[in-house]
Amino acid sequence: MTRKEALGCIFGIVLALVLVSVVPGVRANDVDEATLITFQRPVRIPNKVLPAGTYLFRSLATLSDDYYGVVRIYNADGSVIYGTFQTKYAQRPDGTVATQLSFAQPTSKKQPLTLLTWFYPGSLTGHQFVYAHQEASRITEEHQVTLMATPDTGVVSGRVM
């Protein structure tokens, strides 16, 4: 790894830690994995870019097993739907007490991070967002950053809903 790549990795991790925080919510439900997530800058999701702000992520698994791979993103109070997204199963070796997000870091600082996966605390199975072919090929070329939202990193300002 060159010095430039190492600095890029360090910059990416620091940037990701600054950009994301999980904040407290008003409802708790492990079935729908309801989580409030605050982004400090725009974040790309399939076919859309979310501006900086707080969003409610929720799995539609409560509807039936057929909907496990479907995630809906709302505004912070759940009154506006920003999108409903098909996801693939994603696995991680260990469950954690923190929300885990992974992003593709763009080559340009002016472009938003691209959300790749979301894991609910304690779950070994998460959601990998599905992107169109053109977006997916761009993502594979970008540096990927995974972060755990934990109180120790200063990223969490609250808890999962």
N, C-alpha and C. Protein backbone atom coordinates (compact mmCIF):
# COMPACT_ATOMS: atom_id res chain seq x y z
N MET A 1 0.85 -1.17 0.00
CA MET A 1 0.00 0.00 0.00
C MET A 1 0.89 1.24 0.00
N THR A 2 0.64 2.13 -0.90
CA THR A 2 1.44 3.34 -1.00
C THR A 2 1.04 4.32 0.10
N ARG A 3 1.85 5.30 0.28
CA ARG A 3 1.56 6.33 1.29
C ARG A 3 0.26 7.06 0.95
N LYS A 4 0.06 7.33 -0.33
CA LYS A 4 -1.15 8.02 -0.78
C LYS A 4 -2.40 7.18 -0.48
N GLU A 5 -2.33 5.87 -0.72
CA GLU A 5 -3.47 4.99 -0.42
C GLU A 5 -3.73 4.93 1.07
N ALA A 6 -2.66 4.84 1.88
CA ALA A 6 -2.80 4.80 3.33
C ALA A 6 -3.46 6.07 3.85
N LEU A 7 -3.01 7.22 3.34
CA LEU A 7 -3.62 8.48 3.75
C LEU A 7 -5.07 8.54 3.32
N GLY A 8 -5.38 8.00 2.14
CA GLY A 8 -6.76 7.96 1.66
C GLY A 8 -7.63 7.12 2.57
N CYS A 9 -7.12 5.97 3.02
CA CYS A 9 -7.87 5.12 3.94
C CYS A 9 -8.12 5.82 5.26
N ILE A 10 -7.10 6.43 5.80
CA ILE A 10 -7.23 7.15 7.07
C ILE A 10 -8.24 8.30 6.91
N PHE A 11 -8.12 9.06 5.83
CA PHE A 11 -9.05 10.15 5.58
C PHE A 11 -10.48 9.62 5.48
N GLY A 12 -10.66 8.50 4.79
CA GLY A 12 -11.99 7.91 4.62
C GLY A 12 -12.61 7.51 5.93
N ILE A 13 -11.84 6.89 6.80
CA ILE A 13 -12.35 6.46 8.10
C ILE A 13 -12.72 7.67 8.95
N VAL A 14 -11.85 8.64 9.00
CA VAL A 14 -12.14 9.85 9.78
C VAL A 14 -13.38 10.56 9.23
N LEU A 15 -13.46 10.67 7.93
CA LEU A 15 -14.61 11.31 7.29
C LEU A 15 -15.90 10.57 7.62
N ALA A 16 -15.87 9.25 7.54
CA ALA A 16 -17.07 8.47 7.83
C ALA A 16 -17.49 8.64 9.28
N LEU A 17 -16.55 8.68 10.20
CA LEU A 17 -16.89 8.86 11.61
C LEU A 17 -17.53 10.22 11.86
N VAL A 18 -17.11 11.21 11.12
CA VAL A 18 -17.67 12.54 11.27
C VAL A 18 -19.07 12.63 10.66
N LEU A 19 -19.33 11.84 9.63
CA LEU A 19 -20.56 11.98 8.86
C LEU A 19 -21.79 11.29 9.44
N VAL A 20 -21.61 10.26 10.22
CA VAL A 20 -22.75 9.45 10.61
C VAL A 20 -22.89 9.40 12.12
N SER A 21 -24.12 9.52 12.58
CA SER A 21 -24.40 9.26 13.98
C SER A 21 -25.78 8.64 14.10
N VAL A 22 -25.95 7.82 15.11
CA VAL A 22 -27.24 7.21 15.38
C VAL A 22 -27.83 7.98 16.56
N VAL A 23 -29.06 8.43 16.42
CA VAL A 23 -29.67 9.26 17.45
C VAL A 23 -30.87 8.56 18.06
N PRO A 24 -31.31 8.97 19.26
CA PRO A 24 -32.40 8.28 19.94
C PRO A 24 -33.72 8.42 19.20
N GLY A 25 -34.58 7.44 19.39
CA GLY A 25 -35.90 7.46 18.78
C GLY A 25 -36.99 7.32 19.81
N VAL A 26 -38.20 7.18 19.34
CA VAL A 26 -39.34 7.13 20.23
C VAL A 26 -40.01 5.77 20.30
N ARG A 27 -39.69 4.86 19.37
CA ARG A 27 -40.29 3.54 19.35
C ARG A 27 -39.20 2.49 19.26
N ALA A 28 -39.37 1.39 19.96
CA ALA A 28 -38.40 0.31 19.89
C ALA A 28 -39.07 -0.92 19.30
N ASN A 29 -38.41 -1.54 18.32
CA ASN A 29 -38.96 -2.75 17.72
C ASN A 29 -37.86 -3.47 16.98
N ASP A 30 -37.40 -4.61 17.53
CA ASP A 30 -36.34 -5.37 16.88
C ASP A 30 -36.80 -6.00 15.58
N VAL A 31 -38.10 -6.26 15.43
CA VAL A 31 -38.59 -6.92 14.22
C VAL A 31 -38.40 -6.04 13.00
N ASP A 32 -38.77 -4.77 13.10
CA ASP A 32 -38.63 -3.90 11.92
C ASP A 32 -37.31 -3.13 11.92
N GLU A 33 -36.46 -3.39 12.90
CA GLU A 33 -35.11 -2.82 12.97
C GLU A 33 -35.10 -1.29 12.85
N ALA A 34 -36.12 -0.64 13.36
CA ALA A 34 -36.23 0.82 13.25
C ALA A 34 -35.01 1.49 13.87
N THR A 35 -34.36 2.34 13.06
CA THR A 35 -33.14 3.03 13.48
C THR A 35 -33.15 4.44 12.92
N LEU A 36 -32.89 5.43 13.75
CA LEU A 36 -32.71 6.80 13.28
C LEU A 36 -31.22 7.01 13.02
N ILE A 37 -30.90 7.48 11.83
CA ILE A 37 -29.51 7.71 11.45
C ILE A 37 -29.38 9.14 10.94
N THR A 38 -28.39 9.85 11.46
CA THR A 38 -28.14 11.23 11.04
C THR A 38 -26.89 11.27 10.18
N PHE A 39 -27.03 11.83 8.98
CA PHE A 39 -25.90 12.04 8.09
C PHE A 39 -25.54 13.52 8.12
N GLN A 40 -24.26 13.81 8.26
CA GLN A 40 -23.78 15.18 8.32
C GLN A 40 -23.53 15.78 6.95
N ARG A 41 -23.62 14.95 5.91
CA ARG A 41 -23.49 15.42 4.54
C ARG A 41 -24.33 14.50 3.65
N PRO A 42 -24.54 14.84 2.40
CA PRO A 42 -25.38 14.00 1.53
C PRO A 42 -24.83 12.58 1.40
N VAL A 43 -25.77 11.63 1.29
CA VAL A 43 -25.44 10.22 1.14
C VAL A 43 -26.26 9.65 -0.01
N ARG A 44 -25.59 8.94 -0.91
CA ARG A 44 -26.27 8.31 -2.05
C ARG A 44 -26.89 6.98 -1.62
N ILE A 45 -28.15 6.79 -2.00
CA ILE A 45 -28.85 5.52 -1.88
C ILE A 45 -29.30 5.17 -3.30
N PRO A 46 -29.83 3.99 -3.55
CA PRO A 46 -30.19 3.65 -4.94
C PRO A 46 -31.12 4.69 -5.59
N ASN A 47 -30.69 5.22 -6.72
CA ASN A 47 -31.46 6.17 -7.54
C ASN A 47 -31.78 7.50 -6.86
N LYS A 48 -31.05 7.85 -5.81
CA LYS A 48 -31.38 9.06 -5.08
C LYS A 48 -30.21 9.48 -4.21
N VAL A 49 -30.14 10.77 -3.89
CA VAL A 49 -29.17 11.28 -2.92
C VAL A 49 -29.95 11.93 -1.79
N LEU A 50 -29.72 11.46 -0.57
CA LEU A 50 -30.35 12.06 0.61
C LEU A 50 -29.52 13.25 1.06
N PRO A 51 -30.14 14.41 1.27
CA PRO A 51 -29.37 15.53 1.82
C PRO A 51 -28.99 15.24 3.28
N ALA A 52 -28.05 15.98 3.79
CA ALA A 52 -27.68 15.83 5.20
C ALA A 52 -28.95 15.94 6.04
N GLY A 53 -29.05 15.11 7.06
CA GLY A 53 -30.23 15.14 7.91
C GLY A 53 -30.42 13.82 8.63
N THR A 54 -31.56 13.69 9.33
CA THR A 54 -31.87 12.50 10.10
C THR A 54 -32.96 11.71 9.39
N TYR A 55 -32.74 10.39 9.30
CA TYR A 55 -33.64 9.51 8.58
C TYR A 55 -33.96 8.27 9.41
N LEU A 56 -35.17 7.78 9.24
CA LEU A 56 -35.61 6.56 9.89
C LEU A 56 -35.47 5.42 8.89
N PHE A 57 -34.66 4.42 9.24
CA PHE A 57 -34.50 3.22 8.43
C PHE A 57 -35.36 2.13 9.08
N ARG A 58 -36.11 1.41 8.26
CA ARG A 58 -36.99 0.38 8.80
C ARG A 58 -37.07 -0.78 7.80
N SER A 59 -36.90 -2.00 8.33
CA SER A 59 -37.10 -3.21 7.52
C SER A 59 -38.59 -3.49 7.45
N LEU A 60 -39.06 -3.96 6.30
CA LEU A 60 -40.47 -4.30 6.17
C LEU A 60 -40.73 -5.77 6.51
N ALA A 61 -39.83 -6.39 7.25
CA ALA A 61 -39.97 -7.80 7.61
C ALA A 61 -41.23 -8.07 8.42
N THR A 62 -41.78 -7.08 9.08
CA THR A 62 -42.99 -7.29 9.88
C THR A 62 -44.19 -7.63 9.02
N LEU A 63 -44.16 -7.30 7.73
CA LEU A 63 -45.28 -7.59 6.84
C LEU A 63 -45.35 -9.08 6.52
N SER A 64 -44.23 -9.70 6.23
CA SER A 64 -44.12 -11.15 6.01
C SER A 64 -42.66 -11.46 5.74
N ASP A 65 -42.34 -12.76 5.73
CA ASP A 65 -40.96 -13.15 5.44
C ASP A 65 -40.53 -12.73 4.04
N ASP A 66 -41.49 -12.58 3.14
CA ASP A 66 -41.17 -12.15 1.77
C ASP A 66 -40.58 -10.75 1.73
N TYR A 67 -40.79 -9.97 2.77
CA TYR A 67 -40.34 -8.58 2.77
C TYR A 67 -39.05 -8.36 3.55
N TYR A 68 -38.37 -9.44 3.99
CA TYR A 68 -37.17 -9.22 4.78
C TYR A 68 -36.16 -8.37 4.03
N GLY A 69 -36.01 -8.60 2.75
CA GLY A 69 -35.01 -7.87 1.97
C GLY A 69 -35.45 -6.50 1.52
N VAL A 70 -36.50 -5.94 2.11
CA VAL A 70 -36.99 -4.63 1.71
C VAL A 70 -36.78 -3.64 2.86
N VAL A 71 -36.14 -2.52 2.55
CA VAL A 71 -35.89 -1.46 3.53
C VAL A 71 -36.60 -0.21 3.06
N ARG A 72 -37.25 0.46 3.97
CA ARG A 72 -37.90 1.73 3.66
C ARG A 72 -37.21 2.82 4.46
N ILE A 73 -36.94 3.94 3.79
CA ILE A 73 -36.29 5.08 4.45
C ILE A 73 -37.29 6.23 4.50
N TYR A 74 -37.46 6.78 5.71
CA TYR A 74 -38.41 7.86 5.98
C TYR A 74 -37.67 9.10 6.48
N ASN A 75 -38.41 10.20 6.59
CA ASN A 75 -37.87 11.34 7.32
C ASN A 75 -37.81 10.95 8.80
N ALA A 76 -37.27 11.81 9.64
CA ALA A 76 -37.02 11.48 11.05
C ALA A 76 -38.26 11.05 11.82
N ASP A 77 -39.42 11.65 11.54
CA ASP A 77 -40.62 11.28 12.30
C ASP A 77 -41.47 10.22 11.60
N GLY A 78 -41.00 9.71 10.48
CA GLY A 78 -41.69 8.63 9.79
C GLY A 78 -42.90 9.06 8.98
N SER A 79 -43.07 10.37 8.77
CA SER A 79 -44.27 10.85 8.06
C SER A 79 -44.08 10.96 6.55
N VAL A 80 -42.83 10.93 6.07
CA VAL A 80 -42.55 11.03 4.63
C VAL A 80 -41.65 9.85 4.23
N ILE A 81 -42.04 9.13 3.19
CA ILE A 81 -41.24 8.03 2.68
C ILE A 81 -40.32 8.57 1.58
N TYR A 82 -39.00 8.36 1.75
CA TYR A 82 -38.04 8.77 0.73
C TYR A 82 -37.77 7.66 -0.28
N GLY A 83 -38.05 6.44 0.11
CA GLY A 83 -37.88 5.35 -0.84
C GLY A 83 -38.04 4.00 -0.18
N THR A 84 -38.40 3.03 -1.00
CA THR A 84 -38.49 1.63 -0.59
C THR A 84 -37.51 0.88 -1.47
N PHE A 85 -36.60 0.13 -0.85
CA PHE A 85 -35.46 -0.44 -1.57
C PHE A 85 -35.33 -1.93 -1.36
N GLN A 86 -35.14 -2.64 -2.46
CA GLN A 86 -34.83 -4.07 -2.40
C GLN A 86 -33.38 -4.20 -1.93
N THR A 87 -33.13 -5.11 -1.00
CA THR A 87 -31.77 -5.35 -0.53
C THR A 87 -31.45 -6.83 -0.62
N LYS A 88 -30.16 -7.12 -0.62
CA LYS A 88 -29.70 -8.51 -0.56
C LYS A 88 -29.28 -8.79 0.88
N TYR A 89 -29.25 -10.07 1.23
CA TYR A 89 -28.73 -10.45 2.53
C TYR A 89 -27.25 -10.12 2.58
N ALA A 90 -26.81 -9.57 3.68
CA ALA A 90 -25.39 -9.33 3.93
C ALA A 90 -25.06 -10.02 5.25
N GLN A 91 -23.89 -10.60 5.34
CA GLN A 91 -23.47 -11.30 6.55
C GLN A 91 -22.26 -10.62 7.17
N ARG A 92 -22.18 -10.70 8.49
CA ARG A 92 -20.97 -10.27 9.19
C ARG A 92 -20.64 -11.35 10.22
N PRO A 93 -19.38 -11.50 10.58
CA PRO A 93 -19.00 -12.61 11.45
C PRO A 93 -19.50 -12.49 12.88
N ASP A 94 -19.63 -11.27 13.38
CA ASP A 94 -20.03 -11.08 14.77
C ASP A 94 -21.09 -9.99 14.86
N GLY A 95 -22.10 -10.22 15.69
CA GLY A 95 -23.06 -9.17 15.98
C GLY A 95 -22.44 -8.18 16.94
N THR A 96 -22.86 -6.96 16.89
CA THR A 96 -22.33 -5.94 17.80
C THR A 96 -23.50 -5.22 18.45
N VAL A 97 -23.20 -4.45 19.46
CA VAL A 97 -24.24 -3.67 20.12
C VAL A 97 -24.50 -2.36 19.38
N ALA A 98 -23.76 -2.15 18.30
CA ALA A 98 -23.87 -0.89 17.56
C ALA A 98 -24.43 -1.12 16.16
N THR A 99 -25.04 -0.08 15.62
CA THR A 99 -25.42 -0.08 14.22
C THR A 99 -24.15 -0.05 13.39
N GLN A 100 -24.10 -0.85 12.32
CA GLN A 100 -22.94 -0.86 11.43
C GLN A 100 -23.39 -0.43 10.04
N LEU A 101 -22.66 0.51 9.47
CA LEU A 101 -22.92 1.00 8.12
C LEU A 101 -21.64 0.89 7.31
N SER A 102 -21.76 0.57 6.04
CA SER A 102 -20.58 0.63 5.18
C SER A 102 -20.91 1.51 3.99
N PHE A 103 -19.88 2.21 3.53
CA PHE A 103 -20.03 3.19 2.46
C PHE A 103 -18.94 2.99 1.42
N ALA A 104 -19.23 3.39 0.19
CA ALA A 104 -18.21 3.54 -0.83
C ALA A 104 -17.83 5.01 -0.83
N GLN A 105 -16.55 5.26 -0.67
CA GLN A 105 -16.06 6.63 -0.65
C GLN A 105 -15.77 7.06 -2.07
N PRO A 106 -16.37 8.14 -2.53
CA PRO A 106 -16.14 8.58 -3.91
C PRO A 106 -14.71 9.09 -4.12
N THR A 107 -14.32 9.14 -5.38
CA THR A 107 -12.99 9.64 -5.70
C THR A 107 -12.91 11.15 -5.54
N SER A 108 -14.04 11.82 -5.63
CA SER A 108 -14.08 13.27 -5.46
C SER A 108 -14.75 13.62 -4.13
N LYS A 109 -14.16 14.55 -3.40
CA LYS A 109 -14.73 14.97 -2.12
C LYS A 109 -16.06 15.68 -2.28
N LYS A 110 -16.35 16.15 -3.49
CA LYS A 110 -17.60 16.86 -3.74
C LYS A 110 -18.78 15.91 -3.93
N GLN A 111 -18.51 14.64 -4.14
CA GLN A 111 -19.57 13.65 -4.35
C GLN A 111 -19.98 13.03 -3.02
N PRO A 112 -21.23 12.57 -2.91
CA PRO A 112 -21.66 11.96 -1.65
C PRO A 112 -21.09 10.56 -1.46
N LEU A 113 -21.01 10.12 -0.21
CA LEU A 113 -20.71 8.73 0.08
C LEU A 113 -21.88 7.90 -0.42
N THR A 114 -21.62 6.65 -0.79
CA THR A 114 -22.67 5.74 -1.24
C THR A 114 -22.90 4.70 -0.16
N LEU A 115 -24.13 4.59 0.35
CA LEU A 115 -24.46 3.62 1.38
C LEU A 115 -24.49 2.23 0.75
N LEU A 116 -23.71 1.30 1.32
CA LEU A 116 -23.65 -0.06 0.80
C LEU A 116 -24.43 -1.04 1.66
N THR A 117 -24.17 -1.03 2.98
CA THR A 117 -24.85 -1.97 3.87
C THR A 117 -25.29 -1.30 5.16
N TRP A 118 -26.29 -1.90 5.78
CA TRP A 118 -26.80 -1.47 7.08
C TRP A 118 -27.07 -2.72 7.90
N PHE A 119 -26.45 -2.79 9.10
CA PHE A 119 -26.67 -3.88 10.04
C PHE A 119 -27.29 -3.33 11.31
N TYR A 120 -28.36 -3.93 11.73
CA TYR A 120 -29.01 -3.59 12.99
C TYR A 120 -28.17 -4.16 14.13
N PRO A 121 -28.09 -3.49 15.28
CA PRO A 121 -27.28 -4.00 16.39
C PRO A 121 -27.68 -5.42 16.79
N GLY A 122 -26.66 -6.25 17.00
CA GLY A 122 -26.88 -7.62 17.45
C GLY A 122 -27.19 -8.61 16.33
N SER A 123 -27.47 -8.13 15.15
CA SER A 123 -27.83 -9.00 14.05
C SER A 123 -26.60 -9.38 13.22
N LEU A 124 -26.52 -10.67 12.86
CA LEU A 124 -25.44 -11.12 11.98
C LEU A 124 -25.81 -10.92 10.52
N THR A 125 -27.10 -10.77 10.25
CA THR A 125 -27.59 -10.57 8.89
C THR A 125 -28.03 -9.13 8.74
N GLY A 126 -27.58 -8.51 7.66
CA GLY A 126 -27.95 -7.11 7.42
C GLY A 126 -28.49 -6.94 6.02
N HIS A 127 -28.51 -5.71 5.58
CA HIS A 127 -29.09 -5.33 4.30
C HIS A 127 -28.02 -4.73 3.39
N GLN A 128 -27.82 -5.32 2.23
CA GLN A 128 -26.91 -4.76 1.22
C GLN A 128 -27.79 -4.12 0.16
N PHE A 129 -27.63 -2.82 -0.03
CA PHE A 129 -28.46 -2.08 -0.98
C PHE A 129 -28.08 -2.48 -2.41
N VAL A 130 -29.09 -2.58 -3.26
CA VAL A 130 -28.91 -3.02 -4.64
C VAL A 130 -28.92 -1.79 -5.55
N TYR A 131 -27.87 -1.64 -6.33
CA TYR A 131 -27.74 -0.50 -7.23
C TYR A 131 -27.83 -0.97 -8.68
N ALA A 132 -28.29 -0.07 -9.54
CA ALA A 132 -28.36 -0.35 -10.98
C ALA A 132 -26.95 -0.64 -11.49
N HIS A 133 -26.87 -1.34 -12.61
CA HIS A 133 -25.58 -1.79 -13.15
C HIS A 133 -24.55 -0.66 -13.26
N GLN A 134 -24.96 0.49 -13.79
CA GLN A 134 -24.02 1.60 -13.97
C GLN A 134 -23.51 2.11 -12.63
N GLU A 135 -24.42 2.26 -11.64
CA GLU A 135 -24.00 2.69 -10.31
C GLU A 135 -23.11 1.63 -9.66
N ALA A 136 -23.49 0.37 -9.80
CA ALA A 136 -22.75 -0.72 -9.17
C ALA A 136 -21.32 -0.80 -9.67
N SER A 137 -21.11 -0.61 -10.97
CA SER A 137 -19.74 -0.68 -11.49
C SER A 137 -18.90 0.48 -10.97
N ARG A 138 -19.49 1.65 -10.77
CA ARG A 138 -18.77 2.79 -10.21
C ARG A 138 -18.41 2.51 -8.75
N ILE A 139 -19.32 1.90 -8.02
CA ILE A 139 -19.12 1.63 -6.59
C ILE A 139 -17.96 0.67 -6.38
N THR A 140 -17.84 -0.36 -7.22
CA THR A 140 -16.77 -1.34 -7.03
C THR A 140 -15.40 -0.72 -7.18
N GLU A 141 -15.29 0.40 -7.86
CA GLU A 141 -14.01 1.06 -8.06
C GLU A 141 -13.66 2.01 -6.90
N GLU A 142 -14.60 2.29 -6.04
CA GLU A 142 -14.38 3.25 -4.96
C GLU A 142 -13.89 2.54 -3.69
N HIS A 143 -13.20 3.26 -2.86
CA HIS A 143 -12.72 2.76 -1.58
C HIS A 143 -13.91 2.57 -0.65
N GLN A 144 -13.95 1.44 0.06
CA GLN A 144 -15.08 1.18 0.95
C GLN A 144 -14.68 1.39 2.40
N VAL A 145 -15.60 1.98 3.17
CA VAL A 145 -15.36 2.28 4.58
C VAL A 145 -16.50 1.68 5.39
N THR A 146 -16.17 0.91 6.43
CA THR A 146 -17.18 0.36 7.33
C THR A 146 -16.98 1.00 8.69
N LEU A 147 -18.09 1.40 9.31
CA LEU A 147 -17.96 1.98 10.64
C LEU A 147 -19.03 1.46 11.57
N MET A 148 -18.65 1.39 12.81
CA MET A 148 -19.55 0.99 13.87
C MET A 148 -19.94 2.25 14.62
N ALA A 149 -21.20 2.46 14.78
CA ALA A 149 -21.67 3.60 15.55
C ALA A 149 -21.66 3.20 17.02
N THR A 150 -20.64 3.64 17.75
CA THR A 150 -20.53 3.29 19.16
C THR A 150 -20.25 4.53 19.99
N PRO A 151 -20.65 4.51 21.27
CA PRO A 151 -20.36 5.66 22.13
C PRO A 151 -18.87 5.94 22.25
N ASP A 152 -18.03 4.89 22.21
CA ASP A 152 -16.59 5.06 22.37
C ASP A 152 -15.97 5.88 21.24
N THR A 153 -16.55 5.82 20.04
CA THR A 153 -15.99 6.57 18.91
C THR A 153 -16.53 7.99 18.85
N GLY A 154 -17.51 8.29 19.71
CA GLY A 154 -18.12 9.62 19.68
C GLY A 154 -19.09 9.77 18.53
N VAL A 155 -19.39 8.68 17.82
CA VAL A 155 -20.28 8.74 16.68
C VAL A 155 -21.74 8.68 17.13
N VAL A 156 -22.00 7.97 18.20
CA VAL A 156 -23.39 7.80 18.66
C VAL A 156 -23.76 8.91 19.61
N SER A 157 -24.88 9.55 19.34
CA SER A 157 -25.37 10.55 20.28
C SER A 157 -26.63 10.05 20.94
N GLY A 158 -26.93 8.78 20.78
CA GLY A 158 -28.13 8.20 21.38
C GLY A 158 -28.14 6.71 21.22
N ARG A 159 -29.32 6.14 20.96
CA ARG A 159 -29.45 4.70 20.82
C ARG A 159 -30.42 4.37 19.69
N VAL A 160 -30.43 3.09 19.33
CA VAL A 160 -31.37 2.63 18.34
C VAL A 160 -32.77 2.73 18.91
N MET A 161 -33.72 2.98 18.04
CA MET A 161 -35.10 3.16 18.48
C MET A 161 -35.62 2.00 19.28
